[in-house]
Each structure stands twice: as structure tokens, then as C-alpha cells.
Amino acid sequence: MTRFWMDQPPLFVHRLARGESFEGPRFATVDEGDEITVVSSKAGEGAAGPYVCITMGPFDLGLIGLLARASAALMEEKVPIFVLSTYRHDHILVPLEMTSNAVKALTDAGFSIRK
């Protein structure tokens, strides 16, 4: 059974132009060349959020379908997602006000919450 947990503060997604700076804590940074996405606990003008971060893992890179199963369950409950994947974990950001809907969707799909 795959477990998930929520141990991050509320997060915000910032979209920066190339060369634009960001001051503050960073949960994740993705540089796509023409723009940079920063996920941070710092709110700011134009930032999307707040989001709760649902983390799953650690996983082996060869596993297939876990993120697809989780995102399908969230889609059925009409919970929008913003996903970040790392070498060992998947992080699913959902709007903070939809936390209970997301937890229900995932537990109904067979995932368990780590206490």
C-alpha cells in the first residue's frame, strides 16, 4: 500500500522571467530556459496558491502507474493538481481549500495517509 503525507507549510508557485530574481525559501526550482518556476512557502504578488503538498514515496524509478492512479483519483473528485517529481518522491500540490477532498480521493483509491 502506498502512503502519502503532508508535512510542508502551505506552498505558492511563482513564475519568473529569465533573469528575474527570487528571495525567500525554495521547496523546488525548475529552470526551463525561458522562464523559472519556484515553489516556496513565501507568498507574493502574482503567485498561485496556497497549496497543500501531498508527498508520496520513496519510490524506485522503475515503478509504473502510481502517479497516474493518484492523479486519476484526484481528477474524479475534480481536484486540480500541480505535480513535481524527484528521484525518489512525487509531490502533488492541490489547492489548500481542497485538502479534505484530496485526502478522501486518495484514501478511496487505496492510498493510506502516514500518521
PDB file of N, CA and C in Angstrom:
ATOM      1  N   MET A   1       0.846  -1.186   0.000  1.00  0.00           N
ATOM      2  CA  MET A   1       0.000   0.000   0.000  1.00  0.00           C
ATOM      3  C   MET A   1       0.890   1.248   0.000  1.00  0.00           C
ATOM      4  N   THR A   2       0.611   2.175  -0.867  1.00  0.00           N
ATOM      5  CA  THR A   2       1.388   3.401  -0.963  1.00  0.00           C
ATOM      6  C   THR A   2       0.871   4.415   0.045  1.00  0.00           C
ATOM      7  N   ARG A   3       1.797   5.009   0.761  1.00  0.00           N
ATOM      8  CA  ARG A   3       1.450   6.011   1.767  1.00  0.00           C
ATOM      9  C   ARG A   3       1.758   7.414   1.256  1.00  0.00           C
ATOM     10  N   PHE A   4       1.020   8.371   1.800  1.00  0.00           N
ATOM     11  CA  PHE A   4       1.284   9.763   1.496  1.00  0.00           C
ATOM     12  C   PHE A   4       1.261  10.563   2.787  1.00  0.00           C
ATOM     13  N   TRP A   5       1.853  11.732   2.747  1.00  0.00           N
ATOM     14  CA  TRP A   5       1.870  12.595   3.925  1.00  0.00           C
ATOM     15  C   TRP A   5       1.917  14.050   3.483  1.00  0.00           C
ATOM     16  N   MET A   6       1.627  14.919   4.445  1.00  0.00           N
ATOM     17  CA  MET A   6       1.593  16.365   4.207  1.00  0.00           C
ATOM     18  C   MET A   6       2.375  17.031   5.336  1.00  0.00           C
ATOM     19  N   ASP A   7       3.665  17.280   5.139  1.00  0.00           N
ATOM     20  CA  ASP A   7       4.481  17.851   6.212  1.00  0.00           C
ATOM     21  C   ASP A   7       5.134  19.179   5.839  1.00  0.00           C
ATOM     22  N   GLN A   8       4.700  19.786   4.759  1.00  0.00           N
ATOM     23  CA  GLN A   8       5.227  21.078   4.329  1.00  0.00           C
ATOM     24  C   GLN A   8       4.245  22.182   4.719  1.00  0.00           C
ATOM     25  N   PRO A   9       4.752  23.401   4.918  1.00  0.00           N
ATOM     26  CA  PRO A   9       3.815  24.527   5.113  1.00  0.00           C
ATOM     27  C   PRO A   9       3.082  24.774   3.801  1.00  0.00           C
ATOM     28  N   PRO A  10       2.025  25.574   3.812  1.00  0.00           N
ATOM     29  CA  PRO A  10       1.367  25.909   2.541  1.00  0.00           C
ATOM     30  C   PRO A  10       2.401  26.468   1.559  1.00  0.00           C
ATOM     31  N   LEU A  11       2.261  26.065   0.299  1.00  0.00           N
ATOM     32  CA  LEU A  11       3.225  26.456  -0.727  1.00  0.00           C
ATOM     33  C   LEU A  11       2.573  27.327  -1.798  1.00  0.00           C
ATOM     34  N   PHE A  12       3.409  28.127  -2.446  1.00  0.00           N
ATOM     35  CA  PHE A  12       2.984  29.031  -3.512  1.00  0.00           C
ATOM     36  C   PHE A  12       3.867  28.786  -4.726  1.00  0.00           C
ATOM     37  N   VAL A  13       3.290  28.943  -5.922  1.00  0.00           N
ATOM     38  CA  VAL A  13       4.023  28.726  -7.166  1.00  0.00           C
ATOM     39  C   VAL A  13       4.249  30.080  -7.829  1.00  0.00           C
ATOM     40  N   HIS A  14       5.528  30.390  -8.065  1.00  0.00           N
ATOM     41  CA  HIS A  14       5.936  31.661  -8.653  1.00  0.00           C
ATOM     42  C   HIS A  14       6.471  31.415 -10.059  1.00  0.00           C
ATOM     43  N   ARG A  15       6.066  32.238 -11.003  1.00  0.00           N
ATOM     44  CA  ARG A  15       6.545  32.159 -12.388  1.00  0.00           C
ATOM     45  C   ARG A  15       7.432  33.368 -12.639  1.00  0.00           C
ATOM     46  N   LEU A  16       8.712  33.098 -12.901  1.00  0.00           N
ATOM     47  CA  LEU A  16       9.678  34.168 -13.079  1.00  0.00           C
ATOM     48  C   LEU A  16      10.185  34.204 -14.515  1.00  0.00           C
ATOM     49  N   ALA A  17      10.419  35.407 -15.003  1.00  0.00           N
ATOM     50  CA  ALA A  17      11.041  35.569 -16.310  1.00  0.00           C
ATOM     51  C   ALA A  17      12.533  35.293 -16.179  1.00  0.00           C
ATOM     52  N   ARG A  18      13.173  34.915 -17.263  1.00  0.00           N
ATOM     53  CA  ARG A  18      14.620  34.691 -17.286  1.00  0.00           C
ATOM     54  C   ARG A  18      15.304  35.923 -16.710  1.00  0.00           C
ATOM     55  N   GLY A  19      16.201  35.730 -15.748  1.00  0.00           N
ATOM     56  CA  GLY A  19      16.945  36.830 -15.140  1.00  0.00           C
ATOM     57  C   GLY A  19      16.258  37.465 -13.946  1.00  0.00           C
ATOM     58  N   GLU A  20      14.970  37.178 -13.749  1.00  0.00           N
ATOM     59  CA  GLU A  20      14.257  37.730 -12.598  1.00  0.00           C
ATOM     60  C   GLU A  20      14.706  36.984 -11.344  1.00  0.00           C
ATOM     61  N   SER A  21      14.878  37.705 -10.244  1.00  0.00           N
ATOM     62  CA  SER A  21      15.371  37.066  -9.021  1.00  0.00           C
ATOM     63  C   SER A  21      14.217  36.733  -8.077  1.00  0.00           C
ATOM     64  N   PHE A  22      14.500  35.809  -7.176  1.00  0.00           N
ATOM     65  CA  PHE A  22      13.527  35.412  -6.156  1.00  0.00           C
ATOM     66  C   PHE A  22      14.254  35.336  -4.828  1.00  0.00           C
ATOM     67  N   GLU A  23      13.728  36.028  -3.842  1.00  0.00           N
ATOM     68  CA  GLU A  23      14.287  35.986  -2.494  1.00  0.00           C
ATOM     69  C   GLU A  23      13.305  35.255  -1.596  1.00  0.00           C
ATOM     70  N   GLY A  24      13.789  34.253  -0.914  1.00  0.00           N
ATOM     71  CA  GLY A  24      12.934  33.513   0.001  1.00  0.00           C
ATOM     72  C   GLY A  24      13.243  32.033  -0.043  1.00  0.00           C
ATOM     73  N   PRO A  25      12.602  31.278   0.836  1.00  0.00           N
ATOM     74  CA  PRO A  25      12.846  29.837   0.874  1.00  0.00           C
ATOM     75  C   PRO A  25      12.319  29.171  -0.398  1.00  0.00           C
ATOM     76  N   ARG A  26      12.990  28.105  -0.797  1.00  0.00           N
ATOM     77  CA  ARG A  26      12.593  27.383  -2.004  1.00  0.00           C
ATOM     78  C   ARG A  26      12.347  25.920  -1.667  1.00  0.00           C
ATOM     79  N   PHE A  27      11.192  25.413  -2.059  1.00  0.00           N
ATOM     80  CA  PHE A  27      10.915  23.981  -1.981  1.00  0.00           C
ATOM     81  C   PHE A  27      11.423  23.312  -3.255  1.00  0.00           C
ATOM     82  N   ALA A  28      11.226  23.995  -4.390  1.00  0.00           N
ATOM     83  CA  ALA A  28      11.684  23.467  -5.676  1.00  0.00           C
ATOM     84  C   ALA A  28      11.888  24.620  -6.648  1.00  0.00           C
ATOM     85  N   THR A  29      12.825  24.419  -7.557  1.00  0.00           N
ATOM     86  CA  THR A  29      13.084  25.378  -8.625  1.00  0.00           C
ATOM     87  C   THR A  29      13.252  24.597  -9.922  1.00  0.00           C
ATOM     88  N   VAL A  30      12.535  25.025 -10.951  1.00  0.00           N
ATOM     89  CA  VAL A  30      12.668  24.404 -12.272  1.00  0.00           C
ATOM     90  C   VAL A  30      13.000  25.508 -13.263  1.00  0.00           C
ATOM     91  N   ASP A  31      14.147  25.357 -13.912  1.00  0.00           N
ATOM     92  CA  ASP A  31      14.599  26.325 -14.901  1.00  0.00           C
ATOM     93  C   ASP A  31      14.377  25.726 -16.284  1.00  0.00           C
ATOM     94  N   GLU A  32      13.441  26.307 -17.032  1.00  0.00           N
ATOM     95  CA  GLU A  32      13.123  25.798 -18.368  1.00  0.00           C
ATOM     96  C   GLU A  32      13.783  26.606 -19.477  1.00  0.00           C
ATOM     97  N   GLY A  33      14.738  27.424 -19.116  1.00  0.00           N
ATOM     98  CA  GLY A  33      15.441  28.204 -20.121  1.00  0.00           C
ATOM     99  C   GLY A  33      14.848  29.584 -20.320  1.00  0.00           C
ATOM    100  N   ASP A  34      13.581  29.659 -20.705  1.00  0.00           N
ATOM    101  CA  ASP A  34      12.956  30.955 -20.936  1.00  0.00           C
ATOM    102  C   ASP A  34      12.205  31.479 -19.716  1.00  0.00           C
ATOM    103  N   GLU A  35      11.922  30.605 -18.759  1.00  0.00           N
ATOM    104  CA  GLU A  35      11.286  31.024 -17.517  1.00  0.00           C
ATOM    105  C   GLU A  35      11.674  30.059 -16.401  1.00  0.00           C
ATOM    106  N   ILE A  36      11.456  30.513 -15.177  1.00  0.00           N
ATOM    107  CA  ILE A  36      11.799  29.724 -13.997  1.00  0.00           C
ATOM    108  C   ILE A  36      10.563  29.613 -13.124  1.00  0.00           C
ATOM    109  N   THR A  37      10.300  28.400 -12.651  1.00  0.00           N
ATOM    110  CA  THR A  37       9.208  28.173 -11.709  1.00  0.00           C
ATOM    111  C   THR A  37       9.835  27.924 -10.343  1.00  0.00           C
ATOM    112  N   VAL A  38       9.367  28.668  -9.348  1.00  0.00           N
ATOM    113  CA  VAL A  38       9.828  28.493  -7.974  1.00  0.00           C
ATOM    114  C   VAL A  38       8.625  28.134  -7.117  1.00  0.00           C
ATOM    115  N   VAL A  39       8.763  27.056  -6.346  1.00  0.00           N
ATOM    116  CA  VAL A  39       7.743  26.672  -5.372  1.00  0.00           C
ATOM    117  C   VAL A  39       8.317  27.011  -4.008  1.00  0.00           C
ATOM    118  N   SER A  40       7.565  27.795  -3.254  1.00  0.00           N
ATOM    119  CA  SER A  40       8.072  28.340  -1.995  1.00  0.00           C
ATOM    120  C   SER A  40       6.957  28.491  -0.977  1.00  0.00           C
ATOM    121  N   SER A  41       7.338  28.543   0.283  1.00  0.00           N
ATOM    122  CA  SER A  41       6.365  28.837   1.344  1.00  0.00           C
ATOM    123  C   SER A  41       6.097  30.339   1.415  1.00  0.00           C
ATOM    124  N   LYS A  42       6.819  31.113   0.634  1.00  0.00           N
ATOM    125  CA  LYS A  42       6.634  32.565   0.605  1.00  0.00           C
ATOM    126  C   LYS A  42       5.568  32.943  -0.415  1.00  0.00           C
ATOM    127  N   ALA A  43       4.559  33.660   0.054  1.00  0.00           N
ATOM    128  CA  ALA A  43       3.543  34.192  -0.852  1.00  0.00           C
ATOM    129  C   ALA A  43       4.136  35.405  -1.558  1.00  0.00           C
ATOM    130  N   GLY A  44       3.513  35.824  -2.622  1.00  0.00           N
ATOM    131  CA  GLY A  44       3.980  37.013  -3.318  1.00  0.00           C
ATOM    132  C   GLY A  44       2.997  37.420  -4.387  1.00  0.00           C
ATOM    133  N   GLU A  45       3.148  38.649  -4.861  1.00  0.00           N
ATOM    134  CA  GLU A  45       2.259  39.156  -5.898  1.00  0.00           C
ATOM    135  C   GLU A  45       2.357  38.287  -7.145  1.00  0.00           C
ATOM    136  N   GLY A  46       1.224  37.837  -7.631  1.00  0.00           N
ATOM    137  CA  GLY A  46       1.174  37.014  -8.826  1.00  0.00           C
ATOM    138  C   GLY A  46       1.402  35.531  -8.589  1.00  0.00           C
ATOM    139  N   ALA A  47       1.725  35.148  -7.364  1.00  0.00           N
ATOM    140  CA  ALA A  47       1.962  33.726  -7.065  1.00  0.00           C
ATOM    141  C   ALA A  47       0.638  32.976  -7.017  1.00  0.00           C
ATOM    142  N   ALA A  48       0.652  31.745  -7.493  1.00  0.00           N
ATOM    143  CA  ALA A  48      -0.525  30.874  -7.393  1.00  0.00           C
ATOM    144  C   ALA A  48      -0.463  30.169  -6.040  1.00  0.00           C
ATOM    145  N   GLY A  49      -1.612  29.936  -5.462  1.00  0.00           N
ATOM    146  CA  GLY A  49      -1.647  29.229  -4.180  1.00  0.00           C
ATOM    147  C   GLY A  49      -2.532  29.953  -3.201  1.00  0.00           C
ATOM    148  N   PRO A  50      -2.598  29.456  -1.997  1.00  0.00           N
ATOM    149  CA  PRO A  50      -1.735  28.444  -1.393  1.00  0.00           C
ATOM    150  C   PRO A  50      -2.152  27.015  -1.767  1.00  0.00           C
ATOM    151  N   TYR A  51      -1.143  26.137  -1.725  1.00  0.00           N
ATOM    152  CA  TYR A  51      -1.330  24.717  -1.998  1.00  0.00           C
ATOM    153  C   TYR A  51      -0.870  23.895  -0.803  1.00  0.00           C
ATOM    154  N   VAL A  52      -1.524  22.755  -0.610  1.00  0.00           N
ATOM    155  CA  VAL A  52      -1.003  21.753   0.308  1.00  0.00           C
ATOM    156  C   VAL A  52      -0.146  20.815  -0.542  1.00  0.00           C
ATOM    157  N   CYS A  53       0.950  20.341   0.039  1.00  0.00           N
ATOM    158  CA  CYS A  53       1.854  19.436  -0.673  1.00  0.00           C
ATOM    159  C   CYS A  53       1.644  18.017  -0.158  1.00  0.00           C
ATOM    160  N   ILE A  54       1.157  17.154  -1.022  1.00  0.00           N
ATOM    161  CA  ILE A  54       0.959  15.735  -0.704  1.00  0.00           C
ATOM    162  C   ILE A  54       2.161  14.993  -1.284  1.00  0.00           C
ATOM    163  N   THR A  55       2.938  14.358  -0.412  1.00  0.00           N
ATOM    164  CA  THR A  55       4.154  13.673  -0.832  1.00  0.00           C
ATOM    165  C   THR A  55       3.953  12.171  -0.771  1.00  0.00           C
ATOM    166  N   MET A  56       4.439  11.471  -1.797  1.00  0.00           N
ATOM    167  CA  MET A  56       4.399  10.008  -1.867  1.00  0.00           C
ATOM    168  C   MET A  56       5.802   9.499  -2.147  1.00  0.00           C
ATOM    169  N   GLY A  57       6.164   8.357  -1.577  1.00  0.00           N
ATOM    170  CA  GLY A  57       7.462   7.754  -1.845  1.00  0.00           C
ATOM    171  C   GLY A  57       8.087   7.231  -0.561  1.00  0.00           C
ATOM    172  N   PRO A  58       9.338   6.889  -0.570  1.00  0.00           N
ATOM    173  CA  PRO A  58      10.237   6.893  -1.710  1.00  0.00           C
ATOM    174  C   PRO A  58       9.925   5.750  -2.670  1.00  0.00           C
ATOM    175  N   PHE A  59      10.206   5.998  -3.939  1.00  0.00           N
ATOM    176  CA  PHE A  59       9.943   5.028  -4.991  1.00  0.00           C
ATOM    177  C   PHE A  59      11.215   4.679  -5.740  1.00  0.00           C
ATOM    178  N   ASP A  60      11.187   3.531  -6.356  1.00  0.00           N
ATOM    179  CA  ASP A  60      12.199   3.147  -7.324  1.00  0.00           C
ATOM    180  C   ASP A  60      11.777   3.757  -8.662  1.00  0.00           C
ATOM    181  N   LEU A  61      12.714   4.211  -9.444  1.00  0.00           N
ATOM    182  CA  LEU A  61      12.378   4.851 -10.719  1.00  0.00           C
ATOM    183  C   LEU A  61      11.677   3.924 -11.700  1.00  0.00           C
ATOM    184  N   GLY A  62      11.744   2.616 -11.478  1.00  0.00           N
ATOM    185  CA  GLY A  62      11.115   1.669 -12.385  1.00  0.00           C
ATOM    186  C   GLY A  62       9.644   1.414 -12.114  1.00  0.00           C
ATOM    187  N   LEU A  63       9.095   1.962 -11.026  1.00  0.00           N
ATOM    188  CA  LEU A  63       7.671   1.739 -10.729  1.00  0.00           C
ATOM    189  C   LEU A  63       6.804   2.432 -11.765  1.00  0.00           C
ATOM    190  N   ILE A  64       5.703   1.797 -12.085  1.00  0.00           N
ATOM    191  CA  ILE A  64       4.814   2.309 -13.129  1.00  0.00           C
ATOM    192  C   ILE A  64       3.402   2.509 -12.579  1.00  0.00           C
ATOM    193  N   GLY A  65       2.815   3.667 -12.854  1.00  0.00           N
ATOM    194  CA  GLY A  65       1.392   3.864 -12.640  1.00  0.00           C
ATOM    195  C   GLY A  65       0.937   4.474 -11.337  1.00  0.00           C
ATOM    196  N   LEU A  66       1.821   4.654 -10.346  1.00  0.00           N
ATOM    197  CA  LEU A  66       1.356   5.199  -9.072  1.00  0.00           C
ATOM    198  C   LEU A  66       0.871   6.633  -9.208  1.00  0.00           C
ATOM    199  N   LEU A  67       1.639   7.469  -9.867  1.00  0.00           N
ATOM    200  CA  LEU A  67       1.224   8.857 -10.059  1.00  0.00           C
ATOM    201  C   LEU A  67      -0.019   8.936 -10.942  1.00  0.00           C
ATOM    202  N   ALA A  68      -0.112   8.068 -11.938  1.00  0.00           N
ATOM    203  CA  ALA A  68      -1.302   8.032 -12.794  1.00  0.00           C
ATOM    204  C   ALA A  68      -2.544   7.662 -11.983  1.00  0.00           C
ATOM    205  N   ARG A  69      -2.394   6.684 -11.090  1.00  0.00           N
ATOM    206  CA  ARG A  69      -3.527   6.268 -10.249  1.00  0.00           C
ATOM    207  C   ARG A  69      -3.944   7.395  -9.309  1.00  0.00           C
ATOM    208  N   ALA A  70      -2.959   8.074  -8.705  1.00  0.00           N
ATOM    209  CA  ALA A  70      -3.272   9.180  -7.798  1.00  0.00           C
ATOM    210  C   ALA A  70      -3.929  10.336  -8.549  1.00  0.00           C
ATOM    211  N   SER A  71      -3.377  10.697  -9.700  1.00  0.00           N
ATOM    212  CA  SER A  71      -3.954  11.823 -10.437  1.00  0.00           C
ATOM    213  C   SER A  71      -5.343  11.491 -10.980  1.00  0.00           C
ATOM    214  N   ALA A  72      -5.585  10.237 -11.354  1.00  0.00           N
ATOM    215  CA  ALA A  72      -6.924   9.838 -11.804  1.00  0.00           C
ATOM    216  C   ALA A  72      -7.931   9.950 -10.668  1.00  0.00           C
ATOM    217  N   ALA A  73      -7.527   9.542  -9.468  1.00  0.00           N
ATOM    218  CA  ALA A  73      -8.427   9.643  -8.309  1.00  0.00           C
ATOM    219  C   ALA A  73      -8.754  11.102  -8.004  1.00  0.00           C
ATOM    220  N   LEU A  74      -7.760  11.967  -8.100  1.00  0.00           N
ATOM    221  CA  LEU A  74      -7.984  13.394  -7.841  1.00  0.00           C
ATOM    222  C   LEU A  74      -8.834  14.015  -8.942  1.00  0.00           C
ATOM    223  N   MET A  75      -8.643  13.581 -10.183  1.00  0.00           N
ATOM    224  CA  MET A  75      -9.452  14.077 -11.291  1.00  0.00           C
ATOM    225  C   MET A  75     -10.933  13.739 -11.070  1.00  0.00           C
ATOM    226  N   GLU A  76     -11.185  12.516 -10.609  1.00  0.00           N
ATOM    227  CA  GLU A  76     -12.583  12.108 -10.362  1.00  0.00           C
ATOM    228  C   GLU A  76     -13.268  13.013  -9.343  1.00  0.00           C
ATOM    229  N   GLU A  77     -12.507  13.546  -8.397  1.00  0.00           N
ATOM    230  CA  GLU A  77     -13.051  14.464  -7.382  1.00  0.00           C
ATOM    231  C   GLU A  77     -12.929  15.927  -7.802  1.00  0.00           C
ATOM    232  N   LYS A  78     -12.478  16.147  -9.063  1.00  0.00           N
ATOM    233  CA  LYS A  78     -12.327  17.494  -9.617  1.00  0.00           C
ATOM    234  C   LYS A  78     -11.347  18.349  -8.800  1.00  0.00           C
ATOM    235  N   VAL A  79     -10.268  17.709  -8.341  1.00  0.00           N
ATOM    236  CA  VAL A  79      -9.212  18.402  -7.598  1.00  0.00           C
ATOM    237  C   VAL A  79      -8.079  18.724  -8.568  1.00  0.00           C
ATOM    238  N   PRO A  80      -7.830  20.008  -8.840  1.00  0.00           N
ATOM    239  CA  PRO A  80      -6.726  20.369  -9.726  1.00  0.00           C
ATOM    240  C   PRO A  80      -5.384  20.077  -9.048  1.00  0.00           C
ATOM    241  N   ILE A  81      -4.381  19.722  -9.845  1.00  0.00           N
ATOM    242  CA  ILE A  81      -3.083  19.370  -9.279  1.00  0.00           C
ATOM    243  C   ILE A  81      -1.940  20.065 -10.006  1.00  0.00           C
ATOM    244  N   PHE A  82      -0.850  20.237  -9.299  1.00  0.00           N
ATOM    245  CA  PHE A  82       0.425  20.710  -9.827  1.00  0.00           C
ATOM    246  C   PHE A  82       1.437  19.710  -9.298  1.00  0.00           C
ATOM    247  N   VAL A  83       2.113  18.988 -10.169  1.00  0.00           N
ATOM    248  CA  VAL A  83       2.948  17.853  -9.758  1.00  0.00           C
ATOM    249  C   VAL A  83       4.433  18.151  -9.965  1.00  0.00           C
ATOM    250  N   LEU A  84       5.206  17.760  -8.965  1.00  0.00           N
ATOM    251  CA  LEU A  84       6.668  17.796  -9.050  1.00  0.00           C
ATOM    252  C   LEU A  84       7.167  16.405  -8.700  1.00  0.00           C
ATOM    253  N   SER A  85       8.061  15.886  -9.501  1.00  0.00           N
ATOM    254  CA  SER A  85       8.645  14.584  -9.211  1.00  0.00           C
ATOM    255  C   SER A  85      10.144  14.727  -9.061  1.00  0.00           C
ATOM    256  N   THR A  86      10.683  13.998  -8.109  1.00  0.00           N
ATOM    257  CA  THR A  86      12.127  13.973  -7.888  1.00  0.00           C
ATOM    258  C   THR A  86      12.606  12.549  -8.078  1.00  0.00           C
ATOM    259  N   TYR A  87      13.850  12.312  -7.784  1.00  0.00           N
ATOM    260  CA  TYR A  87      14.410  10.976  -7.964  1.00  0.00           C
ATOM    261  C   TYR A  87      13.656   9.928  -7.156  1.00  0.00           C
ATOM    262  N   ARG A  88      13.204  10.282  -5.942  1.00  0.00           N
ATOM    263  CA  ARG A  88      12.560   9.291  -5.076  1.00  0.00           C
ATOM    264  C   ARG A  88      11.120   9.601  -4.691  1.00  0.00           C
ATOM    265  N   HIS A  89      10.664  10.813  -4.885  1.00  0.00           N
ATOM    266  CA  HIS A  89       9.337  11.188  -4.395  1.00  0.00           C
ATOM    267  C   HIS A  89       8.517  11.884  -5.478  1.00  0.00           C
ATOM    268  N   ASP A  90       7.200  11.774  -5.346  1.00  0.00           N
ATOM    269  CA  ASP A  90       6.262  12.585  -6.117  1.00  0.00           C
ATOM    270  C   ASP A  90       5.592  13.533  -5.139  1.00  0.00           C
ATOM    271  N   HIS A  91       5.493  14.795  -5.526  1.00  0.00           N
ATOM    272  CA  HIS A  91       4.860  15.828  -4.706  1.00  0.00           C
ATOM    273  C   HIS A  91       3.678  16.364  -5.501  1.00  0.00           C
ATOM    274  N   ILE A  92       2.486  16.211  -4.952  1.00  0.00           N
ATOM    275  CA  ILE A  92       1.269  16.656  -5.618  1.00  0.00           C
ATOM    276  C   ILE A  92       0.739  17.861  -4.849  1.00  0.00           C
ATOM    277  N   LEU A  93       0.740  19.018  -5.497  1.00  0.00           N
ATOM    278  CA  LEU A  93       0.213  20.222  -4.879  1.00  0.00           C
ATOM    279  C   LEU A  93      -1.248  20.359  -5.274  1.00  0.00           C
ATOM    280  N   VAL A  94      -2.095  20.546  -4.261  1.00  0.00           N
ATOM    281  CA  VAL A  94      -3.520  20.766  -4.505  1.00  0.00           C
ATOM    282  C   VAL A  94      -3.928  22.033  -3.758  1.00  0.00           C
ATOM    283  N   PRO A  95      -4.933  22.748  -4.256  1.00  0.00           N
ATOM    284  CA  PRO A  95      -5.368  23.954  -3.561  1.00  0.00           C
ATOM    285  C   PRO A  95      -5.675  23.645  -2.097  1.00  0.00           C
ATOM    286  N   LEU A  96      -5.170  24.495  -1.211  1.00  0.00           N
ATOM    287  CA  LEU A  96      -5.296  24.277   0.226  1.00  0.00           C
ATOM    288  C   LEU A  96      -6.747  24.025   0.645  1.00  0.00           C
ATOM    289  N   GLU A  97      -7.676  24.755   0.030  1.00  0.00           N
ATOM    290  CA  GLU A  97      -9.088  24.609   0.417  1.00  0.00           C
ATOM    291  C   GLU A  97      -9.681  23.268  -0.030  1.00  0.00           C
ATOM    292  N   MET A  98      -8.943  22.506  -0.831  1.00  0.00           N
ATOM    293  CA  MET A  98      -9.438  21.205  -1.303  1.00  0.00           C
ATOM    294  C   MET A  98      -8.696  20.039  -0.648  1.00  0.00           C
ATOM    295  N   THR A  99      -7.997  20.302   0.442  1.00  0.00           N
ATOM    296  CA  THR A  99      -7.214  19.262   1.123  1.00  0.00           C
ATOM    297  C   THR A  99      -8.071  18.064   1.500  1.00  0.00           C
ATOM    298  N   SER A 100      -9.211  18.293   2.111  1.00  0.00           N
ATOM    299  CA  SER A 100     -10.044  17.164   2.556  1.00  0.00           C
ATOM    300  C   SER A 100     -10.563  16.360   1.364  1.00  0.00           C
ATOM    301  N   ASN A 101     -10.901  17.029   0.248  1.00  0.00           N
ATOM    302  CA  ASN A 101     -11.332  16.317  -0.955  1.00  0.00           C
ATOM    303  C   ASN A 101     -10.203  15.445  -1.495  1.00  0.00           C
ATOM    304  N   ALA A 102      -8.981  15.981  -1.481  1.00  0.00           N
ATOM    305  CA  ALA A 102      -7.831  15.237  -1.991  1.00  0.00           C
ATOM    306  C   ALA A 102      -7.526  14.022  -1.125  1.00  0.00           C
ATOM    307  N   VAL A 103      -7.546  14.206   0.191  1.00  0.00           N
ATOM    308  CA  VAL A 103      -7.281  13.088   1.109  1.00  0.00           C
ATOM    309  C   VAL A 103      -8.329  11.997   0.914  1.00  0.00           C
ATOM    310  N   LYS A 104      -9.582  12.378   0.803  1.00  0.00           N
ATOM    311  CA  LYS A 104     -10.654  11.391   0.597  1.00  0.00           C
ATOM    312  C   LYS A 104     -10.454  10.658  -0.729  1.00  0.00           C
ATOM    313  N   ALA A 105     -10.150  11.398  -1.793  1.00  0.00           N
ATOM    314  CA  ALA A 105      -9.957  10.781  -3.110  1.00  0.00           C
ATOM    315  C   ALA A 105      -8.819   9.764  -3.072  1.00  0.00           C
ATOM    316  N   LEU A 106      -7.724  10.116  -2.431  1.00  0.00           N
ATOM    317  CA  LEU A 106      -6.570   9.212  -2.386  1.00  0.00           C
ATOM    318  C   LEU A 106      -6.826   7.999  -1.497  1.00  0.00           C
ATOM    319  N   THR A 107      -7.456   8.202  -0.354  1.00  0.00           N
ATOM    320  CA  THR A 107      -7.733   7.049   0.515  1.00  0.00           C
ATOM    321  C   THR A 107      -8.773   6.135  -0.128  1.00  0.00           C
ATOM    322  N   ASP A 108      -9.755   6.704  -0.804  1.00  0.00           N
ATOM    323  CA  ASP A 108     -10.743   5.884  -1.522  1.00  0.00           C
ATOM    324  C   ASP A 108     -10.085   5.064  -2.631  1.00  0.00           C
ATOM    325  N   ALA A 109      -8.974   5.582  -3.186  1.00  0.00           N
ATOM    326  CA  ALA A 109      -8.264   4.883  -4.266  1.00  0.00           C
ATOM    327  C   ALA A 109      -7.247   3.866  -3.730  1.00  0.00           C
ATOM    328  N   GLY A 110      -7.198   3.713  -2.412  1.00  0.00           N
ATOM    329  CA  GLY A 110      -6.323   2.690  -1.825  1.00  0.00           C
ATOM    330  C   GLY A 110      -5.002   3.197  -1.267  1.00  0.00           C
ATOM    331  N   PHE A 111      -4.774   4.498  -1.333  1.00  0.00           N
ATOM    332  CA  PHE A 111      -3.573   5.053  -0.713  1.00  0.00           C
ATOM    333  C   PHE A 111      -3.859   5.248   0.778  1.00  0.00           C
ATOM    334  N   SER A 112      -2.824   5.228   1.584  1.00  0.00           N
ATOM    335  CA  SER A 112      -3.027   5.457   3.022  1.00  0.00           C
ATOM    336  C   SER A 112      -2.208   6.648   3.472  1.00  0.00           C
ATOM    337  N   ILE A 113      -2.744   7.366   4.445  1.00  0.00           N
ATOM    338  CA  ILE A 113      -2.056   8.541   4.950  1.00  0.00           C
ATOM    339  C   ILE A 113      -1.107   8.114   6.070  1.00  0.00           C
ATOM    340  N   ARG A 114       0.123   8.601   6.009  1.00  0.00           N
ATOM    341  CA  ARG A 114       1.105   8.310   7.050  1.00  0.00           C
ATOM    342  C   ARG A 114       0.824   9.218   8.225  1.00  0.00           C
ATOM    343  N   LYS A 115       0.690   8.625   9.381  1.00  0.00           N
ATOM    344  CA  LYS A 115       0.387   9.415  10.592  1.00  0.00           C
ATOM    345  C   LYS A 115       1.636   9.729  11.344  1.00  0.00           C
TER     346      LYS A 115
END
